Amino acid sequence: MSHFAERLNHIAPFHVMELLARAKALQADGHDVIHMEIGEPDFTTPATIVEAGIAALQSGKTGYSPALGIPELREAISQFYKDKFGVNVPARRIVVTAGASGALMLALGALVSSGSEVLLTDPGYPCNRHFVRTLEGTPINIPVGPDSKYQLTVEDIAQYWTDKTVAALVASPANPTGTVLSQAEIQSLHQACAHKGGTLIVDEIYQGLTYGFEPQTALAISDDLFVINSFSKYFQMTGWRLGWMVVPDAYLDAVTRLAQNLFIAPPTPAQYAALAAFTPTTIEILESRRHIFAERKAALKPALLDIGFQIHADPQGAFYFYADCQHIAEDSYALAKNALEKAYVAITPGIDFGSHLASQHIRIAYTAETNILLAAAERLQKLIKQG
C-alpha cells in the first residue's frame, strides 16, 4: 500500500496549472488562446543577461557555488540596494537562493516549528501557506479586502496574533492584487510584530514593477526583518530559478545551515548571468519594459470595467488585476473554464489565492501586448453578452 504524509491533505493543487494544461491542448488543436493566467512576464530575458550566462557556461562555470551564492553576486546586490534605494545592506546578509521560493522556504524554515503560526493574507500567494504547512506550521489566513488594499494591518496583528505566532508575511507589491504597502505601513507592521516578539517577512518579488512612483524597500526601515526578492519578475529571468533574501544577523547561521542541506547551492550559471542584471544597459531595457506594463494596465482597466468586472483596489505594482466578477458570473472557476473553452482566453480563478470571497474574483495578468489584451477583452465581452 502507498503511504502519504499527512501534510499532503493540506496542500491544494494550483488550479491555474490545470487551466494552463487545457489551454496548451487547445492550442495544439489549432485554437488561438490568449494567456492572461500565468504570473510570468511575456518578455524574454534581456540579451545582456543571456550573453553573460552563455559566457559563464563556455568558461566552465558549471560546478557548485558556495551555499549562499557567489561573492560577486552578493556584492552586486548589496551595491544595488545602495545605488537604487540609498540603503546599506552588507553582502554577508544577502543569501542567493534557488528562486524566491527557495528564499521563502529558508526564511520559514528558520522561524517555523511544529505548531507555529504564521499570519498571511487571504487572498495571497498560495505557496506561502503551503510552505508553512510543509514545515508543520499553521498558516493563519486572514481575510482582507479593499478597505486595507488587501493587505494586513496593525489591527490584524493585534487580533490574530497568539502565543503560537512567530511571524507575519506580507507582499508589496502583492500577488494577486498588485497593491503596495507604504513605508509607514510597513514600519507599523514591523513594530507590531516586534512588540509581540515575532518577525516580519516582506515579499518584494515584484519590487521593480511599480507604476506612477519609484520602488521602495522595507530594508530602509529596519535590519531586523526578512526581505525576499527575485530575478524572475522585474529582471525577467523566470526559468533561471534565481532569487535572494536579506537576512537579519541573528538568523544568518540558521539560514546558512538550511541552505547547505536543503539546496546545496543556487544554480551557478544563473548567478553569473545575473551579474549583468544590474548594468546600466540592462536596467535601461527593464525600465522601458516597466513603462510598457504601465501602458498595458492603463489600456486594459477600462475595457475590464466596461465588461462588468469591478476593481476595488487599483493595482500599483506587479502585473495583475484582481477583479470582482460577481455581477458577471456566480462562480469564478466556472467563468475561467467557460472563458477558456468558449472564448479561448485563459484567466485565473480566485480559489487559487485563498477562500475569502474567492468564488467571486478572477486574477487577470496583463502579460501580453496591448492589442492582444484588448482582443481578449472583446472575446470576454462577447462571451458574457451571449450568457
Protein backbone atom coordinates (compact mmCIF):
# COMPACT_ATOMS: atom_id res chain seq x y z
CA MET A 1 0.00 0.00 0.00
CA SER A 2 1.10 3.55 -0.69
CA HIS A 3 1.74 5.75 2.30
CA PHE A 4 1.35 9.51 2.04
CA ALA A 5 2.42 12.16 4.51
CA GLU A 6 -0.45 13.79 6.39
CA ARG A 7 0.74 17.22 5.29
CA LEU A 8 -0.45 16.47 1.75
CA ASN A 9 -4.02 16.77 2.98
CA HIS A 10 -3.36 20.49 3.34
CA ILE A 11 -1.54 21.08 0.04
CA ALA A 12 -4.11 22.16 -2.53
CA PRO A 13 -3.48 21.91 -6.27
CA PHE A 14 -2.70 25.03 -8.26
CA HIS A 15 -5.87 25.22 -10.37
CA VAL A 16 -4.27 27.56 -12.86
CA MET A 17 -1.90 24.76 -13.88
CA GLU A 18 -4.88 22.62 -14.85
CA LEU A 19 -6.19 25.51 -16.92
CA LEU A 20 -2.76 26.04 -18.47
CA ALA A 21 -2.58 22.38 -19.49
CA ARG A 22 -6.01 22.64 -21.09
CA ALA A 23 -5.02 25.90 -22.81
CA LYS A 24 -1.98 24.21 -24.33
CA ALA A 25 -4.13 21.31 -25.51
CA LEU A 26 -6.49 23.75 -27.20
CA GLN A 27 -3.52 25.47 -28.84
CA ALA A 28 -2.26 22.12 -30.08
CA ASP A 29 -5.67 21.67 -31.71
CA GLY A 30 -5.17 24.94 -33.57
CA HIS A 31 -7.07 27.40 -31.38
CA ASP A 32 -5.72 30.90 -30.74
CA VAL A 33 -5.55 31.02 -26.95
CA ILE A 34 -4.74 34.32 -25.22
CA HIS A 35 -2.80 33.74 -22.00
CA MET A 36 -3.65 36.01 -19.07
CA GLU A 37 -3.34 33.37 -16.36
CA ILE A 38 0.32 32.78 -15.56
CA GLY A 39 2.41 35.09 -13.38
CA GLU A 40 5.25 35.35 -15.85
CA PRO A 41 6.43 38.31 -17.92
CA ASP A 42 5.94 37.77 -21.63
CA PHE A 43 9.28 39.46 -22.31
CA THR A 44 12.27 37.18 -22.75
CA THR A 45 15.30 37.62 -20.53
CA PRO A 46 17.32 40.67 -21.70
CA ALA A 47 20.08 39.72 -24.12
CA THR A 48 22.75 41.19 -21.83
CA ILE A 49 21.86 38.64 -19.14
CA VAL A 50 21.62 35.76 -21.63
CA GLU A 51 25.05 36.61 -23.04
CA ALA A 52 26.56 36.66 -19.56
CA GLY A 53 25.03 33.24 -18.89
CA ILE A 54 26.40 31.82 -22.13
CA ALA A 55 29.85 33.21 -21.33
CA ALA A 56 29.71 31.57 -17.88
CA LEU A 57 28.84 28.20 -19.42
CA GLN A 58 31.53 28.48 -22.06
CA SER A 59 34.15 29.35 -19.45
CA GLY A 60 33.30 26.26 -17.41
CA LYS A 61 31.39 27.88 -14.55
CA THR A 62 29.17 24.83 -14.10
CA GLY A 63 30.11 23.47 -10.68
CA TYR A 64 28.63 24.11 -7.26
CA SER A 65 28.86 27.62 -5.89
CA PRO A 66 29.04 28.50 -2.17
CA ALA A 67 25.75 27.70 -0.46
CA LEU A 68 24.85 31.38 -0.05
CA GLY A 69 25.82 32.32 -3.59
CA ILE A 70 28.91 33.58 -5.39
CA PRO A 71 30.53 36.55 -3.57
CA GLU A 72 30.41 38.71 -6.72
CA LEU A 73 26.62 38.48 -6.95
CA ARG A 74 26.08 39.09 -3.24
CA GLU A 75 28.25 42.21 -3.56
CA ALA A 76 26.35 43.31 -6.69
CA ILE A 77 23.02 43.01 -4.88
CA SER A 78 24.46 44.96 -1.95
CA GLN A 79 25.55 47.71 -4.34
CA PHE A 80 22.11 47.67 -5.99
CA TYR A 81 20.47 48.48 -2.66
CA LYS A 82 22.90 51.33 -2.11
CA ASP A 83 22.58 52.81 -5.61
CA LYS A 84 18.83 52.34 -6.05
CA PHE A 85 17.49 52.86 -2.55
CA GLY A 86 20.29 54.51 -0.60
CA VAL A 87 20.32 51.61 1.86
CA ASN A 88 23.48 49.94 3.14
CA VAL A 89 22.96 46.17 3.17
CA PRO A 90 26.13 44.19 3.88
CA ALA A 91 26.79 41.42 1.35
CA ARG A 92 27.19 38.94 4.22
CA ARG A 93 23.44 39.32 4.97
CA ILE A 94 22.45 38.58 1.37
CA VAL A 95 21.60 34.96 0.58
CA VAL A 96 21.23 33.98 -3.08
CA THR A 97 18.62 31.25 -3.49
CA ALA A 98 17.06 28.83 -5.95
CA GLY A 99 14.26 31.21 -6.87
CA ALA A 100 12.26 33.30 -4.43
CA SER A 101 10.52 30.05 -3.45
CA GLY A 102 13.85 28.85 -2.08
CA ALA A 103 14.19 32.08 -0.13
CA LEU A 104 10.71 31.76 1.35
CA MET A 105 11.39 28.18 2.37
CA LEU A 106 14.64 29.18 4.07
CA ALA A 107 13.06 32.09 5.93
CA LEU A 108 10.14 30.00 7.14
CA GLY A 109 12.46 27.07 7.87
CA ALA A 110 14.40 29.29 10.24
CA LEU A 111 11.26 30.53 12.00
CA VAL A 112 8.58 27.83 11.95
CA SER A 113 8.44 24.86 14.31
CA SER A 114 5.72 22.22 14.53
CA GLY A 115 2.56 24.05 15.61
CA SER A 116 3.91 27.54 14.92
CA GLU A 117 1.52 30.02 13.35
CA VAL A 118 2.26 32.47 10.55
CA LEU A 119 -0.13 35.30 9.66
CA LEU A 120 -0.92 35.60 5.94
CA THR A 121 -3.37 37.49 3.77
CA ASP A 122 -6.38 35.81 2.17
CA PRO A 123 -6.21 36.33 -0.81
CA GLY A 124 -2.48 35.82 -1.15
CA TYR A 125 0.15 33.83 -3.00
CA PRO A 126 -0.93 30.20 -2.33
CA CYS A 127 2.52 28.63 -1.98
CA ASN A 128 3.15 30.66 1.17
CA ARG A 129 0.55 28.79 3.18
CA HIS A 130 1.74 25.51 1.69
CA PHE A 131 5.31 26.24 2.74
CA VAL A 132 4.09 26.78 6.29
CA ARG A 133 2.14 23.52 6.20
CA THR A 134 5.13 21.62 4.80
CA LEU A 135 7.11 22.77 7.83
CA GLU A 136 4.27 21.52 10.08
CA GLY A 137 3.22 25.02 10.99
CA THR A 138 -0.25 26.51 10.79
CA PRO A 139 -1.00 29.28 8.28
CA ILE A 140 -3.47 31.80 9.67
CA ASN A 141 -5.19 33.10 6.56
CA ILE A 142 -6.64 36.49 7.44
CA PRO A 143 -9.48 37.74 5.23
CA VAL A 144 -8.54 41.09 3.74
CA GLY A 145 -10.35 43.40 1.36
CA PRO A 146 -10.20 46.71 -0.46
CA ASP A 147 -10.51 48.73 2.76
CA SER A 148 -6.92 47.72 3.59
CA LYS A 149 -5.77 47.37 -0.04
CA TYR A 150 -5.97 43.59 0.58
CA GLN A 151 -3.02 43.95 2.98
CA LEU A 152 -2.51 43.05 6.63
CA THR A 153 -2.98 45.84 9.16
CA VAL A 154 -1.75 46.52 12.68
CA GLU A 155 -5.27 45.68 13.84
CA ASP A 156 -4.96 42.26 12.21
CA ILE A 157 -1.72 41.66 14.08
CA ALA A 158 -3.42 42.55 17.34
CA GLN A 159 -6.47 40.39 16.64
CA TYR A 160 -4.89 37.22 15.23
CA TRP A 161 -1.52 37.00 17.00
CA THR A 162 -1.35 34.26 19.64
CA ASP A 163 1.38 32.74 21.78
CA LYS A 164 2.00 30.31 18.88
CA THR A 165 2.51 33.02 16.26
CA VAL A 166 6.10 33.52 15.11
CA ALA A 167 5.78 35.74 12.04
CA ALA A 168 3.62 37.73 9.68
CA LEU A 169 4.25 37.63 5.94
CA VAL A 170 3.24 40.49 3.64
CA ALA A 171 3.92 41.24 -0.01
CA SER A 172 4.46 44.64 -1.62
CA PRO A 173 3.56 44.72 -4.47
CA ALA A 174 1.20 41.84 -3.76
CA ASN A 175 0.07 38.86 -5.77
CA PRO A 176 -2.80 38.63 -6.81
CA THR A 177 -3.90 42.23 -6.12
CA GLY A 178 -0.92 44.35 -7.16
CA THR A 179 -1.35 46.64 -4.15
CA VAL A 180 1.58 48.26 -2.36
CA LEU A 181 2.29 48.98 1.29
CA SER A 182 3.62 52.43 2.13
CA GLN A 183 6.82 52.72 4.12
CA ALA A 184 4.79 53.99 7.07
CA GLU A 185 2.52 50.93 6.89
CA ILE A 186 5.48 48.54 6.77
CA GLN A 187 7.07 50.31 9.72
CA SER A 188 3.86 49.98 11.74
CA LEU A 189 3.58 46.28 10.89
CA HIS A 190 7.22 45.71 11.81
CA GLN A 191 6.77 47.45 15.14
CA ALA A 192 3.60 45.47 15.85
CA CYS A 193 5.37 42.15 15.15
CA ALA A 194 8.42 43.16 17.20
CA HIS A 195 6.17 44.18 20.10
CA LYS A 196 4.73 40.64 20.03
CA GLY A 197 8.20 39.11 19.98
CA GLY A 198 7.81 37.96 16.37
CA THR A 199 9.24 38.63 12.92
CA LEU A 200 8.01 40.40 9.80
CA ILE A 201 8.75 38.85 6.40
CA VAL A 202 8.34 41.17 3.43
CA ASP A 203 7.97 39.69 -0.04
CA GLU A 204 9.39 42.22 -2.53
CA ILE A 205 9.38 39.85 -5.50
CA TYR A 206 7.59 42.42 -7.71
CA GLN A 207 9.56 45.33 -6.26
CA GLY A 208 10.78 46.83 -9.53
CA LEU A 209 7.34 46.76 -11.13
CA THR A 210 5.52 49.79 -9.72
CA TYR A 211 3.58 52.39 -11.68
CA GLY A 212 3.47 56.12 -11.08
CA PHE A 213 6.16 56.07 -8.39
CA GLU A 214 9.58 54.60 -7.78
CA PRO A 215 10.02 51.28 -5.96
CA GLN A 216 10.99 51.21 -2.29
CA THR A 217 12.33 48.60 0.11
CA ALA A 218 11.43 47.61 3.65
CA LEU A 219 15.17 47.48 4.38
CA ALA A 220 15.08 51.26 4.67
CA ILE A 221 13.01 50.76 7.82
CA SER A 222 14.90 48.08 9.74
CA ASP A 223 17.63 45.45 9.57
CA ASP A 224 15.56 43.19 11.81
CA LEU A 225 13.23 41.70 9.20
CA PHE A 226 13.43 39.24 6.33
CA VAL A 227 13.15 40.61 2.79
CA ILE A 228 12.55 38.25 -0.14
CA ASN A 229 13.32 39.21 -3.73
CA SER A 230 13.65 37.54 -7.10
CA PHE A 231 15.25 37.77 -10.51
CA SER A 232 12.04 36.40 -12.06
CA LYS A 233 9.64 39.33 -12.38
CA TYR A 234 11.34 42.71 -12.88
CA PHE A 235 14.54 41.11 -14.20
CA GLN A 236 12.52 38.61 -16.30
CA MET A 237 14.61 35.53 -15.50
CA THR A 238 11.78 33.14 -14.52
CA GLY A 239 13.32 29.96 -15.91
CA TRP A 240 16.75 30.67 -14.46
CA ARG A 241 15.36 29.96 -10.97
CA LEU A 242 17.20 32.60 -9.01
CA GLY A 243 16.19 34.76 -6.08
CA TRP A 244 17.68 36.29 -2.98
CA MET A 245 16.92 37.09 0.62
CA VAL A 246 18.23 39.66 3.08
CA VAL A 247 18.53 38.01 6.49
CA PRO A 248 18.75 39.58 9.95
CA ASP A 249 22.15 38.93 11.55
CA ALA A 250 20.63 36.75 14.26
CA TYR A 251 19.39 34.24 11.68
CA LEU A 252 22.41 34.03 9.36
CA ASP A 253 23.83 30.85 10.85
CA ALA A 254 20.46 29.10 10.83
CA VAL A 255 19.74 30.08 7.22
CA THR A 256 23.24 29.01 6.16
CA ARG A 257 22.79 25.54 7.63
CA LEU A 258 19.38 25.17 6.00
CA ALA A 259 20.69 26.35 2.62
CA GLN A 260 23.58 23.90 2.75
CA ASN A 261 21.30 20.98 3.47
CA LEU A 262 18.14 21.80 1.51
CA PHE A 263 19.59 23.26 -1.69
CA ILE A 264 23.41 22.75 -1.62
CA ALA A 265 23.72 25.90 -3.77
CA PRO A 266 21.75 28.11 -6.13
CA PRO A 267 22.29 27.44 -9.87
CA THR A 268 25.77 28.60 -10.80
CA PRO A 269 25.33 29.68 -14.46
CA ALA A 270 22.25 31.69 -13.48
CA GLN A 271 24.25 33.54 -10.84
CA TYR A 272 26.91 34.63 -13.29
CA ALA A 273 24.19 35.64 -15.75
CA ALA A 274 22.53 37.73 -13.04
CA LEU A 275 25.68 39.81 -12.61
CA ALA A 276 24.63 41.51 -15.84
CA ALA A 277 21.18 42.31 -14.44
CA PHE A 278 22.43 45.42 -12.64
CA THR A 279 24.35 47.01 -15.51
CA PRO A 280 23.06 50.35 -16.87
CA THR A 281 22.30 48.76 -20.24
CA THR A 282 20.13 46.07 -18.68
CA ILE A 283 18.37 48.48 -16.32
CA GLU A 284 17.52 50.70 -19.30
CA ILE A 285 15.87 47.71 -21.01
CA LEU A 286 13.97 46.73 -17.87
CA GLU A 287 12.75 50.27 -17.22
CA SER A 288 11.42 50.57 -20.77
CA ARG A 289 9.52 47.32 -20.20
CA ARG A 290 8.16 48.62 -16.90
CA HIS A 291 6.68 51.57 -18.82
CA ILE A 292 5.12 49.13 -21.28
CA PHE A 293 3.46 47.27 -18.39
CA ALA A 294 2.08 50.61 -17.17
CA GLU A 295 0.66 51.36 -20.61
CA ARG A 296 -0.97 47.93 -20.76
CA LYS A 297 -2.52 48.43 -17.34
CA ALA A 298 -3.95 51.79 -18.39
CA ALA A 299 -5.40 50.32 -21.59
CA LEU A 300 -6.89 47.15 -20.11
CA LYS A 301 -8.54 48.53 -16.98
CA PRO A 302 -11.34 50.49 -18.72
CA ALA A 303 -12.01 47.52 -21.00
CA LEU A 304 -12.48 45.24 -17.98
CA LEU A 305 -14.73 47.75 -16.25
CA ASP A 306 -16.82 48.03 -19.41
CA ILE A 307 -17.34 44.25 -19.39
CA GLY A 308 -18.70 44.42 -15.84
CA PHE A 309 -15.69 43.46 -13.74
CA GLN A 310 -15.16 45.54 -10.61
CA ILE A 311 -11.66 46.50 -9.48
CA HIS A 312 -11.95 47.57 -5.87
CA ALA A 313 -8.25 48.36 -5.31
CA ASP A 314 -6.26 49.77 -8.18
CA PRO A 315 -3.03 47.79 -8.61
CA GLN A 316 0.03 49.94 -8.05
CA GLY A 317 2.51 47.23 -8.99
CA ALA A 318 3.09 43.71 -10.32
CA PHE A 319 1.09 42.92 -13.49
CA TYR A 320 -2.33 41.76 -12.33
CA PHE A 321 -5.89 42.90 -11.88
CA TYR A 322 -7.77 41.14 -9.08
CA ALA A 323 -11.26 41.64 -10.39
CA ASP A 324 -14.63 41.08 -8.74
CA CYS A 325 -16.79 39.12 -11.20
CA GLN A 326 -19.92 38.60 -9.06
CA HIS A 327 -22.05 40.69 -11.44
CA ILE A 328 -20.90 38.56 -14.37
CA ALA A 329 -20.86 35.00 -13.03
CA GLU A 330 -21.79 33.14 -9.86
CA ASP A 331 -18.55 31.18 -9.72
CA SER A 332 -15.10 32.41 -10.85
CA TYR A 333 -13.78 28.92 -11.54
CA ALA A 334 -16.72 28.19 -13.83
CA LEU A 335 -16.15 31.55 -15.50
CA ALA A 336 -12.46 30.74 -16.03
CA LYS A 337 -13.28 27.37 -17.58
CA ASN A 338 -16.01 28.88 -19.73
CA ALA A 339 -13.70 31.69 -20.90
CA LEU A 340 -11.08 29.16 -21.92
CA GLU A 341 -13.36 26.69 -23.65
CA LYS A 342 -15.58 29.19 -25.47
CA ALA A 343 -13.55 32.40 -25.84
CA TYR A 344 -10.05 30.89 -25.74
CA VAL A 345 -8.99 33.33 -23.02
CA ALA A 346 -7.07 31.91 -20.06
CA ILE A 347 -7.58 33.65 -16.68
CA THR A 348 -7.02 32.52 -13.08
CA PRO A 349 -9.89 31.81 -10.65
CA GLY A 350 -9.80 33.35 -7.19
CA ILE A 351 -9.82 29.96 -5.48
CA ASP A 352 -6.10 29.67 -6.22
CA PHE A 353 -5.40 32.52 -3.82
CA GLY A 354 -7.46 31.58 -0.78
CA SER A 355 -11.05 31.19 0.33
CA HIS A 356 -12.21 34.71 1.25
CA LEU A 357 -14.73 35.71 -1.45
CA ALA A 358 -12.64 33.58 -3.80
CA SER A 359 -15.55 32.41 -5.93
CA GLN A 360 -16.33 35.97 -6.95
CA HIS A 361 -12.83 37.02 -8.01
CA ILE A 362 -10.61 36.49 -11.03
CA ARG A 363 -6.94 37.34 -11.50
CA ILE A 364 -6.14 38.76 -14.92
CA ALA A 365 -2.50 39.25 -15.91
CA TYR A 366 -1.54 41.94 -18.40
CA THR A 367 1.45 39.96 -19.66
CA ALA A 368 0.73 40.26 -23.37
CA GLU A 369 0.89 43.05 -25.94
CA THR A 370 -1.81 45.69 -25.57
CA ASN A 371 -3.63 44.77 -28.79
CA ILE A 372 -3.80 41.16 -27.62
CA LEU A 373 -5.12 42.16 -24.20
CA LEU A 374 -7.83 44.27 -25.81
CA ALA A 375 -8.71 41.40 -28.15
CA ALA A 376 -9.11 39.18 -25.09
CA ALA A 377 -11.40 41.77 -23.51
CA GLU A 378 -13.53 41.79 -26.67
CA ARG A 379 -13.82 38.00 -26.56
CA LEU A 380 -14.87 38.10 -22.90
CA GLN A 381 -17.37 40.85 -23.61
CA LYS A 382 -18.95 38.78 -26.38
CA LEU A 383 -18.99 35.64 -24.22
CA ILE A 384 -20.72 37.37 -21.33
CA LYS A 385 -23.30 39.04 -23.56
CA GLN A 386 -24.16 35.62 -25.00
CA GLY A 387 -24.76 34.35 -21.47
